[in-house]
PDB file of N, CA and C in Angstrom:
ATOM      1  N   ILE A   1    -220.154 -84.306  72.305  1.00  0.00           N
ATOM      2  CA  ILE A   1    -221.323 -85.846  72.307  1.00  0.00           C
ATOM      3  C   ILE A   1    -221.186 -86.610  73.368  1.00  0.00           C
ATOM      4  N   THR A   2    -222.293 -87.426  73.412  1.00  0.00           N
ATOM      5  CA  THR A   2    -222.381 -88.057  74.505  1.00  0.00           C
ATOM      6  C   THR A   2    -222.976 -89.322  73.930  1.00  0.00           C
ATOM      7  N   LEU A   3    -222.263 -90.121  74.246  1.00  0.00           N
ATOM      8  CA  LEU A   3    -222.495 -91.737  74.170  1.00  0.00           C
ATOM      9  C   LEU A   3    -223.583 -92.359  75.443  1.00  0.00           C
ATOM     10  N   ALA A   4    -223.908 -92.116  76.179  1.00  0.00           N
ATOM     11  CA  ALA A   4    -225.093 -92.086  76.997  1.00  0.00           C
ATOM     12  C   ALA A   4    -225.727 -92.938  76.802  1.00  0.00           C
ATOM     13  N   ILE A   5    -226.628 -92.450  75.744  1.00  0.00           N
ATOM     14  CA  ILE A   5    -227.862 -93.277  75.585  1.00  0.00           C
ATOM     15  C   ILE A   5    -227.510 -94.887  74.515  1.00  0.00           C
ATOM     16  N   TYR A   6    -226.303 -94.612  74.216  1.00  0.00           N
ATOM     17  CA  TYR A   6    -225.807 -95.840  73.315  1.00  0.00           C
ATOM     18  C   TYR A   6    -224.910 -96.600  74.609  1.00  0.00           C
ATOM     19  N   ALA A   7    -224.892 -96.229  75.710  1.00  0.00           N
ATOM     20  CA  ALA A   7    -223.736 -96.979  76.331  1.00  0.00           C
ATOM     21  C   ALA A   7    -223.678 -98.464  76.004  1.00  0.00           C
ATOM     22  N   GLU A   8    -224.542 -98.367  76.797  1.00  0.00           N
ATOM     23  CA  GLU A   8    -225.228-100.340  76.880  1.00  0.00           C
ATOM     24  C   GLU A   8    -224.924-101.094  75.912  1.00  0.00           C
ATOM     25  N   HIS A   9    -225.763-100.741  74.560  1.00  0.00           N
ATOM     26  CA  HIS A   9    -225.653-100.938  73.490  1.00  0.00           C
ATOM     27  C   HIS A   9    -224.207-101.582  73.380  1.00  0.00           C
ATOM     28  N   LEU A  10    -223.572-100.346  73.090  1.00  0.00           N
ATOM     29  CA  LEU A  10    -222.151-100.229  72.354  1.00  0.00           C
ATOM     30  C   LEU A  10    -221.585-101.460  73.271  1.00  0.00           C
ATOM     31  N   GLN A  11    -221.521-101.071  74.740  1.00  0.00           N
ATOM     32  CA  GLN A  11    -220.903-102.532  75.963  1.00  0.00           C
ATOM     33  C   GLN A  11    -221.117-103.641  75.079  1.00  0.00           C
ATOM     34  N   GLN A  12    -222.085-103.660  75.255  1.00  0.00           N
ATOM     35  CA  GLN A  12    -222.206-105.003  74.874  1.00  0.00           C
ATOM     36  C   GLN A  12    -222.079-105.727  73.802  1.00  0.00           C
ATOM     37  N   GLN A  13    -221.559-104.594  72.797  1.00  0.00           N
ATOM     38  CA  GLN A  13    -221.317-104.908  71.821  1.00  0.00           C
ATOM     39  C   GLN A  13    -219.870-105.297  71.431  1.00  0.00           C
ATOM     40  N   TRP A  14    -219.608-104.709  72.116  1.00  0.00           N
ATOM     41  CA  TRP A  14    -217.324-104.780  72.543  1.00  0.00           C
ATOM     42  C   TRP A  14    -217.370-106.403  73.216  1.00  0.00           C
ATOM     43  N   TRP A  15    -218.385-106.385  74.191  1.00  0.00           N
ATOM     44  CA  TRP A  15    -217.815-107.536  75.018  1.00  0.00           C
ATOM     45  C   TRP A  15    -218.597-108.803  73.899  1.00  0.00           C
ATOM     46  N   ASN A  16    -219.492-108.804  72.520  1.00  0.00           N
ATOM     47  CA  ASN A  16    -219.524-109.751  71.780  1.00  0.00           C
ATOM     48  C   ASN A  16    -218.246-110.267  70.637  1.00  0.00           C
ATOM     49  N   LEU A  17    -217.699-108.959  70.426  1.00  0.00           N
ATOM     50  CA  LEU A  17    -216.632-108.828  69.217  1.00  0.00           C
ATOM     51  C   LEU A  17    -215.745-110.251  69.550  1.00  0.00           C
ATOM     52  N   PRO A  18    -215.313-109.884  70.625  1.00  0.00           N
ATOM     53  CA  PRO A  18    -214.122-111.169  70.853  1.00  0.00           C
ATOM     54  C   PRO A  18    -214.622-112.537  70.793  1.00  0.00           C
ATOM     55  N   ARG A  19    -215.849-112.700  70.662  1.00  0.00           N
ATOM     56  CA  ARG A  19    -216.256-114.388  70.288  1.00  0.00           C
ATOM     57  C   ARG A  19    -216.517-114.322  69.066  1.00  0.00           C
ATOM     58  N   TYR A  20    -216.376-113.252  67.454  1.00  0.00           N
ATOM     59  CA  TYR A  20    -216.374-113.497  66.812  1.00  0.00           C
ATOM     60  C   TYR A  20    -214.416-112.667  66.093  1.00  0.00           C
ATOM     61  N   PRO A  21    -213.523-113.814  66.290  1.00  0.00           N
ATOM     62  CA  PRO A  21    -212.621-113.296  65.967  1.00  0.00           C
ATOM     63  C   PRO A  21    -212.088-112.568  63.876  1.00  0.00           C
ATOM     64  N   ASN A  22    -213.178-113.409  63.212  1.00  0.00           N
ATOM     65  CA  ASN A  22    -212.509-113.065  61.891  1.00  0.00           C
ATOM     66  C   ASN A  22    -213.838-112.026  61.968  1.00  0.00           C
ATOM     67  N   LEU A  23    -214.427-111.360  62.760  1.00  0.00           N
ATOM     68  CA  LEU A  23    -214.873-109.801  62.241  1.00  0.00           C
ATOM     69  C   LEU A  23    -214.174-108.426  62.440  1.00  0.00           C
ATOM     70  N   LEU A  24    -212.930-109.009  63.528  1.00  0.00           N
ATOM     71  CA  LEU A  24    -212.078-107.577  64.147  1.00  0.00           C
ATOM     72  C   LEU A  24    -211.443-107.306  62.382  1.00  0.00           C
ATOM     73  N   PRO A  25    -210.814-108.160  62.222  1.00  0.00           N
ATOM     74  CA  PRO A  25    -210.324-107.120  60.828  1.00  0.00           C
ATOM     75  C   PRO A  25    -211.435-106.186  59.662  1.00  0.00           C
ATOM     76  N   SER A  26    -212.096-106.540  59.812  1.00  0.00           N
ATOM     77  CA  SER A  26    -212.801-105.533  58.933  1.00  0.00           C
ATOM     78  C   SER A  26    -213.210-105.056  59.874  1.00  0.00           C
ATOM     79  N   PHE A  27    -213.679-105.181  60.689  1.00  0.00           N
ATOM     80  CA  PHE A  27    -214.407-103.886  61.834  1.00  0.00           C
ATOM     81  C   PHE A  27    -213.299-102.737  61.829  1.00  0.00           C
ATOM     82  N   THR A  28    -212.396-103.243  62.661  1.00  0.00           N
ATOM     83  CA  THR A  28    -211.180-102.424  63.364  1.00  0.00           C
ATOM     84  C   THR A  28    -211.267-101.220  61.537  1.00  0.00           C
ATOM     85  N   GLN A  29    -211.166-101.856  59.886  1.00  0.00           N
ATOM     86  CA  GLN A  29    -210.467-101.071  59.001  1.00  0.00           C
ATOM     87  C   GLN A  29    -211.886 -99.774  59.178  1.00  0.00           C
ATOM     88  N   ILE A  30    -213.278-100.203  59.135  1.00  0.00           N
ATOM     89  CA  ILE A  30    -214.344 -99.707  58.857  1.00  0.00           C
ATOM     90  C   ILE A  30    -214.084 -98.560  59.965  1.00  0.00           C
ATOM     91  N   VAL A  31    -213.902 -99.018  61.214  1.00  0.00           N
ATOM     92  CA  VAL A  31    -213.737 -97.387  61.625  1.00  0.00           C
ATOM     93  C   VAL A  31    -212.628 -97.077  62.013  1.00  0.00           C
ATOM     94  N   ARG A  32    -211.715 -97.398  61.292  1.00  0.00           N
ATOM     95  CA  ARG A  32    -210.982 -96.260  60.885  1.00  0.00           C
ATOM     96  C   ARG A  32    -210.866 -95.169  60.156  1.00  0.00           C
ATOM     97  N   GLN A  33    -211.348 -95.602  58.918  1.00  0.00           N
ATOM     98  CA  GLN A  33    -212.018 -95.164  57.690  1.00  0.00           C
ATOM     99  C   GLN A  33    -212.987 -94.228  57.585  1.00  0.00           C
ATOM    100  N   SER A  34    -213.107 -92.814  57.291  1.00  0.00           N
ATOM    101  CA  SER A  34    -214.876 -92.042  57.626  1.00  0.00           C
ATOM    102  C   SER A  34    -215.085 -92.633  56.216  1.00  0.00           C
ATOM    103  N   SER A  35    -215.109 -92.662  55.622  1.00  0.00           N
ATOM    104  CA  SER A  35    -215.681 -93.311  53.886  1.00  0.00           C
ATOM    105  C   SER A  35    -216.118 -94.667  54.174  1.00  0.00           C
ATOM    106  N   PRO A  36    -217.133 -95.496  53.812  1.00  0.00           N
ATOM    107  CA  PRO A  36    -217.506 -96.664  53.238  1.00  0.00           C
ATOM    108  C   PRO A  36    -216.002 -97.901  52.865  1.00  0.00           C
ATOM    109  N   VAL A  37    -215.671 -98.895  53.517  1.00  0.00           N
ATOM    110  CA  VAL A  37    -215.146-100.194  53.353  1.00  0.00           C
ATOM    111  C   VAL A  37    -215.079-101.283  52.321  1.00  0.00           C
ATOM    112  N   ASP A  38    -214.510-101.945  51.304  1.00  0.00           N
ATOM    113  CA  ASP A  38    -214.519-102.432  51.052  1.00  0.00           C
ATOM    114  C   ASP A  38    -214.632-104.049  52.294  1.00  0.00           C
ATOM    115  N   CYS A  39    -215.550-104.459  52.011  1.00  0.00           N
ATOM    116  CA  CYS A  39    -215.575-105.886  53.124  1.00  0.00           C
ATOM    117  C   CYS A  39    -216.044-107.092  52.056  1.00  0.00           C
ATOM    118  N   THR A  40    -215.321-107.870  52.478  1.00  0.00           N
ATOM    119  CA  THR A  40    -216.338-109.340  52.257  1.00  0.00           C
ATOM    120  C   THR A  40    -218.294-109.874  52.642  1.00  0.00           C
ATOM    121  N   ALA A  41    -218.214-110.708  52.210  1.00  0.00           N
ATOM    122  CA  ALA A  41    -220.098-110.774  52.128  1.00  0.00           C
ATOM    123  C   ALA A  41    -219.573-111.781  53.746  1.00  0.00           C
ATOM    124  N   GLU A  42    -219.437-112.176  53.809  1.00  0.00           N
ATOM    125  CA  GLU A  42    -219.678-112.799  55.200  1.00  0.00           C
ATOM    126  C   GLU A  42    -219.251-111.991  57.043  1.00  0.00           C
ATOM    127  N   PRO A  43    -218.298-111.167  56.902  1.00  0.00           N
ATOM    128  CA  PRO A  43    -217.659-109.866  57.554  1.00  0.00           C
ATOM    129  C   PRO A  43    -218.980-109.064  57.882  1.00  0.00           C
ATOM    130  N   ALA A  44    -219.506-108.685  56.652  1.00  0.00           N
ATOM    131  CA  ALA A  44    -219.930-107.822  56.400  1.00  0.00           C
ATOM    132  C   ALA A  44    -221.250-108.072  57.044  1.00  0.00           C
ATOM    133  N   SER A  45    -222.125-109.088  56.236  1.00  0.00           N
ATOM    134  CA  SER A  45    -223.423-109.209  56.957  1.00  0.00           C
ATOM    135  C   SER A  45    -223.432-109.743  58.362  1.00  0.00           C
ATOM    136  N   GLN A  46    -222.658-110.345  59.263  1.00  0.00           N
ATOM    137  CA  GLN A  46    -222.050-110.250  60.208  1.00  0.00           C
ATOM    138  C   GLN A  46    -222.341-108.644  61.332  1.00  0.00           C
ATOM    139  N   LEU A  47    -221.975-108.298  60.407  1.00  0.00           N
ATOM    140  CA  LEU A  47    -221.763-107.262  61.136  1.00  0.00           C
ATOM    141  C   LEU A  47    -223.243-106.100  61.164  1.00  0.00           C
ATOM    142  N   GLN A  48    -223.590-106.106  60.054  1.00  0.00           N
ATOM    143  CA  GLN A  48    -225.070-105.672  59.492  1.00  0.00           C
ATOM    144  C   GLN A  48    -225.965-105.880  60.508  1.00  0.00           C
ATOM    145  N   GLN A  49    -225.495-107.353  60.559  1.00  0.00           N
ATOM    146  CA  GLN A  49    -226.584-108.433  61.792  1.00  0.00           C
ATOM    147  C   GLN A  49    -226.342-107.575  63.189  1.00  0.00           C
ATOM    148  N   MET A  50    -225.444-107.912  63.470  1.00  0.00           N
ATOM    149  CA  MET A  50    -224.949-106.903  64.803  1.00  0.00           C
ATOM    150  C   MET A  50    -225.694-105.264  65.075  1.00  0.00           C
ATOM    151  N   GLY A  51    -225.886-104.560  64.226  1.00  0.00           N
ATOM    152  CA  GLY A  51    -226.176-103.211  63.858  1.00  0.00           C
ATOM    153  C   GLY A  51    -225.416-102.380  63.646  1.00  0.00           C
ATOM    154  N   LEU A  52    -223.798-102.482  63.826  1.00  0.00           N
ATOM    155  CA  LEU A  52    -222.789-102.375  63.943  1.00  0.00           C
ATOM    156  C   LEU A  52    -222.607-101.004  62.396  1.00  0.00           C
ATOM    157  N   VAL A  53    -222.985-101.639  61.323  1.00  0.00           N
ATOM    158  CA  VAL A  53    -222.317-101.219  60.340  1.00  0.00           C
ATOM    159  C   VAL A  53    -223.757-101.160  59.174  1.00  0.00           C
ATOM    160  N   HIS A  54    -223.222-100.047  58.026  1.00  0.00           N
ATOM    161  CA  HIS A  54    -224.781-100.038  57.168  1.00  0.00           C
ATOM    162  C   HIS A  54    -224.246-101.247  56.483  1.00  0.00           C
ATOM    163  N   LEU A  55    -224.704-101.283  55.119  1.00  0.00           N
ATOM    164  CA  LEU A  55    -224.076-101.945  53.742  1.00  0.00           C
ATOM    165  C   LEU A  55    -224.355-101.141  52.529  1.00  0.00           C
ATOM    166  N   HIS A  56    -223.340-100.869  51.710  1.00  0.00           N
ATOM    167  CA  HIS A  56    -224.465-100.060  50.624  1.00  0.00           C
ATOM    168  C   HIS A  56    -223.439-100.838  49.217  1.00  0.00           C
ATOM    169  N   GLY A  57    -223.837-101.467  49.080  1.00  0.00           N
ATOM    170  CA  GLY A  57    -223.679-102.922  47.738  1.00  0.00           C
ATOM    171  C   GLY A  57    -222.278-104.135  48.715  1.00  0.00           C
ATOM    172  N   SER A  58    -221.296-103.745  48.271  1.00  0.00           N
ATOM    173  CA  SER A  58    -219.796-104.512  48.811  1.00  0.00           C
ATOM    174  C   SER A  58    -218.775-103.703  49.624  1.00  0.00           C
ATOM    175  N   GLN A  59    -219.907-102.161  49.692  1.00  0.00           N
ATOM    176  CA  GLN A  59    -218.935-101.626  50.893  1.00  0.00           C
ATOM    177  C   GLN A  59    -219.802-101.119  52.667  1.00  0.00           C
ATOM    178  N   ALA A  60    -219.261-101.638  53.444  1.00  0.00           N
ATOM    179  CA  ALA A  60    -219.485-100.769  54.647  1.00  0.00           C
ATOM    180  C   ALA A  60    -219.390 -99.553  55.566  1.00  0.00           C
ATOM    181  N   SER A  61    -220.335 -98.817  56.233  1.00  0.00           N
ATOM    182  CA  SER A  61    -219.428 -97.828  56.685  1.00  0.00           C
ATOM    183  C   SER A  61    -220.299 -98.238  58.052  1.00  0.00           C
ATOM    184  N   LEU A  62    -219.837 -97.167  58.896  1.00  0.00           N
ATOM    185  CA  LEU A  62    -220.553 -97.523  60.523  1.00  0.00           C
ATOM    186  C   LEU A  62    -222.010 -96.938  60.437  1.00  0.00           C
ATOM    187  N   ALA A  63    -222.789 -97.430  61.516  1.00  0.00           N
ATOM    188  CA  ALA A  63    -224.334 -97.509  61.415  1.00  0.00           C
ATOM    189  C   ALA A  63    -224.407 -96.224  61.619  1.00  0.00           C
ATOM    190  N   CYS A  64    -223.362 -96.255  62.869  1.00  0.00           N
ATOM    191  CA  CYS A  64    -223.622 -94.762  63.293  1.00  0.00           C
ATOM    192  C   CYS A  64    -222.869 -94.093  63.938  1.00  0.00           C
ATOM    193  N   GLU A  65    -222.292 -92.817  63.141  1.00  0.00           N
ATOM    194  CA  GLU A  65    -220.886 -91.845  63.848  1.00  0.00           C
ATOM    195  C   GLU A  65    -220.564 -91.893  65.339  1.00  0.00           C
ATOM    196  N   LEU A  66    -221.678 -91.942  66.245  1.00  0.00           N
ATOM    197  CA  LEU A  66    -220.959 -91.890  66.759  1.00  0.00           C
ATOM    198  C   LEU A  66    -220.682 -93.051  67.605  1.00  0.00           C
ATOM    199  N   PHE A  67    -221.244 -94.389  67.140  1.00  0.00           N
ATOM    200  CA  PHE A  67    -219.823 -95.432  67.264  1.00  0.00           C
ATOM    201  C   PHE A  67    -218.064 -95.353  67.243  1.00  0.00           C
ATOM    202  N   ARG A  68    -217.901 -94.758  66.345  1.00  0.00           N
ATOM    203  CA  ARG A  68    -216.744 -94.732  65.644  1.00  0.00           C
ATOM    204  C   ARG A  68    -214.926 -94.289  67.087  1.00  0.00           C
ATOM    205  N   PRO A  69    -215.673 -92.702  67.926  1.00  0.00           N
ATOM    206  CA  PRO A  69    -214.501 -92.744  68.988  1.00  0.00           C
ATOM    207  C   PRO A  69    -214.712 -93.993  70.113  1.00  0.00           C
ATOM    208  N   PHE A  70    -215.720 -94.767  70.728  1.00  0.00           N
ATOM    209  CA  PHE A  70    -215.793 -95.339  70.941  1.00  0.00           C
ATOM    210  C   PHE A  70    -214.728 -96.364  70.499  1.00  0.00           C
ATOM    211  N   PHE A  71    -215.892 -97.134  69.899  1.00  0.00           N
ATOM    212  CA  PHE A  71    -214.568 -98.321  69.485  1.00  0.00           C
ATOM    213  C   PHE A  71    -213.002 -97.980  68.793  1.00  0.00           C
ATOM    214  N   ARG A  72    -213.002 -97.140  68.303  1.00  0.00           N
ATOM    215  CA  ARG A  72    -211.929 -96.397  67.614  1.00  0.00           C
ATOM    216  C   ARG A  72    -210.605 -96.474  69.318  1.00  0.00           C
ATOM    217  N   ASP A  73    -211.390 -96.087  70.456  1.00  0.00           N
ATOM    218  CA  ASP A  73    -210.359 -95.793  71.713  1.00  0.00           C
ATOM    219  C   ASP A  73    -210.005 -97.200  72.186  1.00  0.00           C
ATOM    220  N   ARG A  74    -211.064 -98.006  71.489  1.00  0.00           N
ATOM    221  CA  ARG A  74    -211.486 -99.819  71.861  1.00  0.00           C
ATOM    222  C   ARG A  74    -209.968-100.239  71.488  1.00  0.00           C
ATOM    223  N   LEU A  75    -209.874 -99.859  70.199  1.00  0.00           N
ATOM    224  CA  LEU A  75    -209.436-100.704  69.187  1.00  0.00           C
ATOM    225  C   LEU A  75    -208.372-100.683  68.985  1.00  0.00           C
ATOM    226  N   SER A  76    -207.443 -99.372  69.285  1.00  0.00           N
ATOM    227  CA  SER A  76    -206.001 -99.038  69.157  1.00  0.00           C
ATOM    228  C   SER A  76    -205.183 -99.401  70.309  1.00  0.00           C
TER     229      SER A  76
END
């Protein structure tokens, strides 16, 4: 599976994330879990606005499964 079409977007998001350290714990948990993760409202909303997650009530999952390998490698 290639991430080439998302490469610029993902790299930009990766550079953005350190500016919001409050998002990293929630985002890391979402990346590591294949099922939706309970997430508090503020981080969930911010991650959704960034286009990284989809919300399902109080749970969040990655907006695209192709994002998982990119972020998992960088968050480990």
